């Protein structure tokens, strides 16, 4: 089935990293991309702590709040409940080509690795894998245990993109927003979505001189 590159599935789970999700949502909706949004109960707690976002339990109320927050076209945001099995994301017949889980808890990662489909987020991820579509996980944990790493390796071997939110500092960030944009830029690159959030290496970045390179030690 032909997919629609102007649609993205986005799942928010209960790991720390709400600012990444907030910025990602803003960019996607700002570009007129239709976002199919899923929010776990744990994510609501974290988002209240990190962003002071009091996300309602009802999907329709979340939709209303976020449309007002981002001033977006209401038709470009679809919000589903955790147990909303009527969502198109629960079936491989939908046309959404890419799913992003940001941030991704170790519990969600484990459930996806095991093929557990006990909620819509896990089922939607399972569908992406079985249909050979793009799944991007942004796991936020430190340190990783052997269990976490084994689950990531298992998923990576299935073609899942494992993208921990590890910012680079070569572009000399001066604010937290700069660091958030770096991570969101990497996610957008993997999803093949254009952006101008940060300068690219070899572009506007200041390159080291030959003399500076010669002074570097390994």
C-alpha atoms as a PDB file:
ATOM      1  CA  UNK A   1       0.000   0.000   0.000  1.00  0.00           C
ATOM      2  CA  UNK A   2       1.231   3.476  -0.862  1.00  0.00           C
ATOM      3  CA  UNK A   3       1.940   5.563   2.238  1.00  0.00           C
ATOM      4  CA  UNK A   4       1.395   9.273   2.834  1.00  0.00           C
ATOM      5  CA  UNK A   5       4.609  11.131   3.639  1.00  0.00           C
ATOM      6  CA  UNK A   6       2.629  14.049   5.036  1.00  0.00           C
ATOM      7  CA  UNK A   7       1.513  11.978   8.025  1.00  0.00           C
ATOM      8  CA  UNK A   8       3.447  11.013  11.163  1.00  0.00           C
ATOM      9  CA  UNK A   9       2.470   8.895  14.146  1.00  0.00           C
ATOM     10  CA  UNK A  10       3.897  10.286  17.390  1.00  0.00           C
ATOM     11  CA  UNK A  11       3.755   8.556  20.759  1.00  0.00           C
ATOM     12  CA  UNK A  12       4.637  10.275  24.033  1.00  0.00           C
ATOM     13  CA  UNK A  13       5.561   8.009  26.949  1.00  0.00           C
ATOM     14  CA  UNK A  14       6.646   8.580  30.531  1.00  0.00           C
ATOM     15  CA  UNK A  15      10.405   9.090  30.184  1.00  0.00           C
ATOM     16  CA  UNK A  16      11.958  12.466  30.884  1.00  0.00           C
ATOM     17  CA  UNK A  17      12.264  14.584  27.749  1.00  0.00           C
ATOM     18  CA  UNK A  18       8.959  16.398  27.313  1.00  0.00           C
ATOM     19  CA  UNK A  19      10.657  19.463  25.720  1.00  0.00           C
ATOM     20  CA  UNK A  20      11.773  17.250  22.815  1.00  0.00           C
ATOM     21  CA  UNK A  21       8.181  16.191  22.183  1.00  0.00           C
ATOM     22  CA  UNK A  22       6.898  19.736  22.505  1.00  0.00           C
ATOM     23  CA  UNK A  23       9.377  21.044  19.946  1.00  0.00           C
ATOM     24  CA  UNK A  24       8.828  18.093  17.618  1.00  0.00           C
ATOM     25  CA  UNK A  25       5.079  18.661  17.676  1.00  0.00           C
ATOM     26  CA  UNK A  26       5.556  22.359  16.963  1.00  0.00           C
ATOM     27  CA  UNK A  27       7.756  21.692  13.934  1.00  0.00           C
ATOM     28  CA  UNK A  28       5.556  18.958  12.475  1.00  0.00           C
ATOM     29  CA  UNK A  29       2.323  20.895  12.864  1.00  0.00           C
ATOM     30  CA  UNK A  30       4.028  24.081  11.680  1.00  0.00           C
ATOM     31  CA  UNK A  31       4.879  22.320   8.421  1.00  0.00           C
ATOM     32  CA  UNK A  32       1.301  21.202   7.907  1.00  0.00           C
ATOM     33  CA  UNK A  33       2.084  17.544   8.580  1.00  0.00           C
ATOM     34  CA  UNK A  34      -0.809  15.519   9.998  1.00  0.00           C
ATOM     35  CA  UNK A  35       0.204  14.126  13.379  1.00  0.00           C
ATOM     36  CA  UNK A  36      -1.451  11.022  14.815  1.00  0.00           C
ATOM     37  CA  UNK A  37      -0.785  11.513  18.531  1.00  0.00           C
ATOM     38  CA  UNK A  38      -0.807   8.916  21.307  1.00  0.00           C
ATOM     39  CA  UNK A  39      -0.098   9.803  24.954  1.00  0.00           C
ATOM     40  CA  UNK A  40       0.467   7.330  27.786  1.00  0.00           C
ATOM     41  CA  UNK A  41      -0.837   7.914  31.312  1.00  0.00           C
ATOM     42  CA  UNK A  42       2.752   8.174  32.592  1.00  0.00           C
ATOM     43  CA  UNK A  43       3.539  10.791  29.940  1.00  0.00           C
ATOM     44  CA  UNK A  44       0.802  13.020  31.347  1.00  0.00           C
ATOM     45  CA  UNK A  45       2.548  12.982  34.740  1.00  0.00           C
ATOM     46  CA  UNK A  46       5.975  13.773  33.256  1.00  0.00           C
ATOM     47  CA  UNK A  47       4.642  16.515  30.989  1.00  0.00           C
ATOM     48  CA  UNK A  48       2.941  18.165  33.955  1.00  0.00           C
ATOM     49  CA  UNK A  49       6.270  18.148  35.826  1.00  0.00           C
ATOM     50  CA  UNK A  50       8.519  19.260  32.964  1.00  0.00           C
ATOM     51  CA  UNK A  51       6.280  21.594  30.959  1.00  0.00           C
ATOM     52  CA  UNK A  52       3.411  22.402  33.315  1.00  0.00           C
ATOM     53  CA  UNK A  53       1.172  20.860  30.675  1.00  0.00           C
ATOM     54  CA  UNK A  54      -1.965  19.486  32.311  1.00  0.00           C
ATOM     55  CA  UNK A  55      -3.001  17.101  29.559  1.00  0.00           C
ATOM     56  CA  UNK A  56      -6.576  15.836  30.027  1.00  0.00           C
ATOM     57  CA  UNK A  57      -7.403  12.144  30.014  1.00  0.00           C
ATOM     58  CA  UNK A  58      -9.941  12.439  27.181  1.00  0.00           C
ATOM     59  CA  UNK A  59      -8.454  12.467  23.686  1.00  0.00           C
ATOM     60  CA  UNK A  60     -10.938  15.088  22.487  1.00  0.00           C
ATOM     61  CA  UNK A  61      -9.919  17.445  25.295  1.00  0.00           C
ATOM     62  CA  UNK A  62      -6.219  16.953  24.509  1.00  0.00           C
ATOM     63  CA  UNK A  63      -6.956  17.771  20.880  1.00  0.00           C
ATOM     64  CA  UNK A  64      -8.680  21.013  21.804  1.00  0.00           C
ATOM     65  CA  UNK A  65      -5.870  22.062  24.166  1.00  0.00           C
ATOM     66  CA  UNK A  66      -3.037  21.351  21.698  1.00  0.00           C
ATOM     67  CA  UNK A  67      -4.767  22.961  18.729  1.00  0.00           C
ATOM     68  CA  UNK A  68      -4.991  26.135  20.824  1.00  0.00           C
ATOM     69  CA  UNK A  69      -1.395  25.727  22.037  1.00  0.00           C
ATOM     70  CA  UNK A  70       0.123  25.365  18.563  1.00  0.00           C
ATOM     71  CA  UNK A  71      -2.474  27.390  16.641  1.00  0.00           C
ATOM     72  CA  UNK A  72      -2.651  24.626  14.045  1.00  0.00           C
ATOM     73  CA  UNK A  73      -5.301  23.361  11.652  1.00  0.00           C
ATOM     74  CA  UNK A  74      -7.521  21.040  13.764  1.00  0.00           C
ATOM     75  CA  UNK A  75      -7.563  18.530  10.903  1.00  0.00           C
ATOM     76  CA  UNK A  76      -3.789  18.168  11.132  1.00  0.00           C
ATOM     77  CA  UNK A  77      -3.898  16.733  14.655  1.00  0.00           C
ATOM     78  CA  UNK A  78      -5.493  13.384  15.487  1.00  0.00           C
ATOM     79  CA  UNK A  79      -5.408  12.293  19.140  1.00  0.00           C
ATOM     80  CA  UNK A  80      -6.116   8.746  20.298  1.00  0.00           C
ATOM     81  CA  UNK A  81      -6.626   7.159  23.698  1.00  0.00           C
ATOM     82  CA  UNK A  82      -4.314   4.427  24.988  1.00  0.00           C
ATOM     83  CA  UNK A  83      -6.985   1.778  24.484  1.00  0.00           C
ATOM     84  CA  UNK A  84      -8.574   3.223  21.348  1.00  0.00           C
ATOM     85  CA  UNK A  85      -8.395   0.129  19.175  1.00  0.00           C
ATOM     86  CA  UNK A  86     -10.575   1.807  16.557  1.00  0.00           C
ATOM     87  CA  UNK A  87      -7.617   4.029  15.672  1.00  0.00           C
ATOM     88  CA  UNK A  88      -6.304   3.465  12.144  1.00  0.00           C
ATOM     89  CA  UNK A  89      -2.848   3.003  13.684  1.00  0.00           C
ATOM     90  CA  UNK A  90      -3.956  -0.361  15.085  1.00  0.00           C
ATOM     91  CA  UNK A  91      -4.100  -1.802  11.575  1.00  0.00           C
ATOM     92  CA  UNK A  92      -1.534  -2.280   8.842  1.00  0.00           C
ATOM     93  CA  UNK A  93      -4.041  -0.865   6.358  1.00  0.00           C
ATOM     94  CA  UNK A  94      -3.311   2.717   7.436  1.00  0.00           C
ATOM     95  CA  UNK A  95      -1.091   4.926   5.258  1.00  0.00           C
ATOM     96  CA  UNK A  96       1.162   6.499   7.903  1.00  0.00           C
ATOM     97  CA  UNK A  97       4.779   5.779   6.863  1.00  0.00           C
ATOM     98  CA  UNK A  98       6.641   6.745  10.039  1.00  0.00           C
ATOM     99  CA  UNK A  99       6.122   6.419  13.783  1.00  0.00           C
ATOM    100  CA  UNK A 100       8.200   8.201  16.412  1.00  0.00           C
ATOM    101  CA  UNK A 101       8.187   7.378  20.123  1.00  0.00           C
ATOM    102  CA  UNK A 102       9.624  10.415  21.889  1.00  0.00           C
ATOM    103  CA  UNK A 103      10.520  10.118  24.657  1.00  0.00           C
ATOM    104  CA  UNK A 104      10.516   6.326  24.888  1.00  0.00           C
ATOM    105  CA  UNK A 105      10.531   4.599  28.271  1.00  0.00           C
ATOM    106  CA  UNK A 106      12.401   1.365  28.807  1.00  0.00           C
ATOM    107  CA  UNK A 107       9.039  -0.278  29.540  1.00  0.00           C
ATOM    108  CA  UNK A 108       7.666   0.785  26.159  1.00  0.00           C
ATOM    109  CA  UNK A 109      10.873  -0.275  24.421  1.00  0.00           C
ATOM    110  CA  UNK A 110      10.673  -3.676  26.129  1.00  0.00           C
ATOM    111  CA  UNK A 111       7.025  -4.150  25.153  1.00  0.00           C
ATOM    112  CA  UNK A 112       7.788  -3.307  21.529  1.00  0.00           C
ATOM    113  CA  UNK A 113      10.781  -5.657  21.498  1.00  0.00           C
ATOM    114  CA  UNK A 114       8.595  -8.471  22.860  1.00  0.00           C
ATOM    115  CA  UNK A 115       5.737  -7.820  20.447  1.00  0.00           C
ATOM    116  CA  UNK A 116       3.350  -6.927  23.249  1.00  0.00           C
ATOM    117  CA  UNK A 117       0.280  -5.092  21.999  1.00  0.00           C
ATOM    118  CA  UNK A 118      -1.488  -4.336  25.256  1.00  0.00           C
ATOM    119  CA  UNK A 119      -2.108  -0.694  24.365  1.00  0.00           C
ATOM    120  CA  UNK A 120      -2.362   1.382  21.197  1.00  0.00           C
ATOM    121  CA  UNK A 121       1.239   2.657  21.370  1.00  0.00           C
ATOM    122  CA  UNK A 122       2.676  -0.853  21.511  1.00  0.00           C
ATOM    123  CA  UNK A 123       0.276  -2.116  18.840  1.00  0.00           C
ATOM    124  CA  UNK A 124       1.028   0.792  16.502  1.00  0.00           C
ATOM    125  CA  UNK A 125       4.766   0.129  16.869  1.00  0.00           C
ATOM    126  CA  UNK A 126       4.182  -3.586  16.211  1.00  0.00           C
ATOM    127  CA  UNK A 127       2.298  -2.669  13.049  1.00  0.00           C
ATOM    128  CA  UNK A 128       5.164  -0.476  11.820  1.00  0.00           C
ATOM    129  CA  UNK A 129       7.613  -3.345  12.258  1.00  0.00           C
ATOM    130  CA  UNK A 130       5.452  -6.004  10.616  1.00  0.00           C
ATOM    131  CA  UNK A 131       4.649  -3.706   7.680  1.00  0.00           C
ATOM    132  CA  UNK A 132       8.342  -2.779   7.218  1.00  0.00           C
ATOM    133  CA  UNK A 133       7.656   0.886   7.870  1.00  0.00           C
ATOM    134  CA  UNK A 134       9.847   3.345   9.710  1.00  0.00           C
ATOM    135  CA  UNK A 135       9.879   3.257  13.501  1.00  0.00           C
ATOM    136  CA  UNK A 136      12.056   5.727  15.429  1.00  0.00           C
ATOM    137  CA  UNK A 137      12.526   5.283  19.166  1.00  0.00           C
ATOM    138  CA  UNK A 138      14.051   8.027  21.327  1.00  0.00           C
ATOM    139  CA  UNK A 139      14.980   6.157  24.541  1.00  0.00           C
ATOM    140  CA  UNK A 140      15.742   8.414  27.510  1.00  0.00           C
ATOM    141  CA  UNK A 141      17.508   6.546  30.298  1.00  0.00           C
ATOM    142  CA  UNK A 142      20.924   6.633  31.959  1.00  0.00           C
ATOM    143  CA  UNK A 143      22.710   4.369  32.403  1.00  0.00           C
ATOM    144  CA  UNK A 144      21.408   1.611  30.153  1.00  0.00           C
ATOM    145  CA  UNK A 145      21.312  -1.871  31.654  1.00  0.00           C
ATOM    146  CA  UNK A 146      22.216  -5.016  29.714  1.00  0.00           C
ATOM    147  CA  UNK A 147      18.463  -5.681  29.376  1.00  0.00           C
ATOM    148  CA  UNK A 148      17.907  -2.256  27.806  1.00  0.00           C
ATOM    149  CA  UNK A 149      20.825  -2.723  25.415  1.00  0.00           C
ATOM    150  CA  UNK A 150      19.705  -6.203  24.396  1.00  0.00           C
ATOM    151  CA  UNK A 151      16.220  -4.891  23.622  1.00  0.00           C
ATOM    152  CA  UNK A 152      17.667  -2.042  21.559  1.00  0.00           C
ATOM    153  CA  UNK A 153      19.935  -4.422  19.644  1.00  0.00           C
ATOM    154  CA  UNK A 154      17.014  -6.745  18.930  1.00  0.00           C
ATOM    155  CA  UNK A 155      14.961  -3.859  17.542  1.00  0.00           C
ATOM    156  CA  UNK A 156      17.875  -2.353  15.605  1.00  0.00           C
ATOM    157  CA  UNK A 157      18.369  -5.703  13.861  1.00  0.00           C
ATOM    158  CA  UNK A 158      14.721  -5.494  12.797  1.00  0.00           C
ATOM    159  CA  UNK A 159      15.367  -2.104  11.202  1.00  0.00           C
ATOM    160  CA  UNK A 160      14.109   0.105  14.026  1.00  0.00           C
ATOM    161  CA  UNK A 161      16.008   3.384  14.439  1.00  0.00           C
ATOM    162  CA  UNK A 162      17.311   3.750  18.002  1.00  0.00           C
ATOM    163  CA  UNK A 163      18.027   7.445  18.551  1.00  0.00           C
ATOM    164  CA  UNK A 164      18.956   8.344  22.151  1.00  0.00           C
ATOM    165  CA  UNK A 165      18.659  12.101  22.754  1.00  0.00           C
ATOM    166  CA  UNK A 166      22.416  12.705  22.941  1.00  0.00           C
ATOM    167  CA  UNK A 167      23.171  16.304  21.916  1.00  0.00           C
ATOM    168  CA  UNK A 168      26.355  17.341  20.173  1.00  0.00           C
ATOM    169  CA  UNK A 169      28.182  20.500  21.208  1.00  0.00           C
ATOM    170  CA  UNK A 170      30.248  21.244  18.105  1.00  0.00           C
ATOM    171  CA  UNK A 171      27.699  23.886  17.071  1.00  0.00           C
ATOM    172  CA  UNK A 172      28.280  25.749  20.353  1.00  0.00           C
ATOM    173  CA  UNK A 173      24.787  25.796  21.895  1.00  0.00           C
ATOM    174  CA  UNK A 174      24.089  28.688  24.243  1.00  0.00           C
ATOM    175  CA  UNK A 175      20.593  27.778  25.482  1.00  0.00           C
ATOM    176  CA  UNK A 176      18.602  24.710  26.454  1.00  0.00           C
ATOM    177  CA  UNK A 177      16.456  25.379  23.387  1.00  0.00           C
ATOM    178  CA  UNK A 178      19.557  24.969  21.202  1.00  0.00           C
ATOM    179  CA  UNK A 179      20.225  21.549  22.735  1.00  0.00           C
ATOM    180  CA  UNK A 180      16.592  20.507  22.305  1.00  0.00           C
ATOM    181  CA  UNK A 181      16.696  21.619  18.664  1.00  0.00           C
ATOM    182  CA  UNK A 182      19.806  19.509  18.043  1.00  0.00           C
ATOM    183  CA  UNK A 183      18.026  16.342  19.162  1.00  0.00           C
ATOM    184  CA  UNK A 184      14.800  17.198  17.331  1.00  0.00           C
ATOM    185  CA  UNK A 185      16.828  17.907  14.185  1.00  0.00           C
ATOM    186  CA  UNK A 186      18.304  14.398  14.323  1.00  0.00           C
ATOM    187  CA  UNK A 187      14.813  12.926  14.672  1.00  0.00           C
ATOM    188  CA  UNK A 188      13.523  14.943  11.724  1.00  0.00           C
ATOM    189  CA  UNK A 189      16.517  13.884   9.615  1.00  0.00           C
ATOM    190  CA  UNK A 190      15.714  10.227  10.250  1.00  0.00           C
ATOM    191  CA  UNK A 191      12.062  10.864   9.360  1.00  0.00           C
ATOM    192  CA  UNK A 192      13.204  12.603   6.144  1.00  0.00           C
ATOM    193  CA  UNK A 193      11.524  15.854   7.119  1.00  0.00           C
ATOM    194  CA  UNK A 194      13.234  19.065   6.104  1.00  0.00           C
ATOM    195  CA  UNK A 195      14.169  21.678   8.709  1.00  0.00           C
ATOM    196  CA  UNK A 196      16.549  24.513   9.510  1.00  0.00           C
ATOM    197  CA  UNK A 197      16.795  24.011  13.255  1.00  0.00           C
ATOM    198  CA  UNK A 198      20.579  23.907  13.447  1.00  0.00           C
ATOM    199  CA  UNK A 199      23.508  24.510  11.072  1.00  0.00           C
ATOM    200  CA  UNK A 200      24.909  21.374   9.492  1.00  0.00           C
ATOM    201  CA  UNK A 201      28.499  20.221   9.714  1.00  0.00           C
ATOM    202  CA  UNK A 202      30.463  21.705   6.823  1.00  0.00           C
ATOM    203  CA  UNK A 203      27.907  24.465   6.392  1.00  0.00           C
ATOM    204  CA  UNK A 204      27.840  27.585   8.541  1.00  0.00           C
ATOM    205  CA  UNK A 205      29.833  25.961  11.321  1.00  0.00           C
ATOM    206  CA  UNK A 206      33.340  27.285  11.943  1.00  0.00           C
ATOM    207  CA  UNK A 207      35.767  24.644  10.702  1.00  0.00           C
ATOM    208  CA  UNK A 208      39.093  24.019  12.473  1.00  0.00           C
ATOM    209  CA  UNK A 209      42.216  25.277  10.706  1.00  0.00           C
ATOM    210  CA  UNK A 210      45.047  22.937   9.723  1.00  0.00           C
ATOM    211  CA  UNK A 211      47.136  24.399  12.542  1.00  0.00           C
ATOM    212  CA  UNK A 212      44.359  23.655  15.061  1.00  0.00           C
ATOM    213  CA  UNK A 213      44.018  20.119  13.731  1.00  0.00           C
ATOM    214  CA  UNK A 214      47.764  19.511  14.034  1.00  0.00           C
ATOM    215  CA  UNK A 215      47.601  20.401  17.718  1.00  0.00           C
ATOM    216  CA  UNK A 216      44.917  17.825  18.451  1.00  0.00           C
ATOM    217  CA  UNK A 217      46.003  14.654  20.204  1.00  0.00           C
ATOM    218  CA  UNK A 218      44.214  11.325  20.172  1.00  0.00           C
END
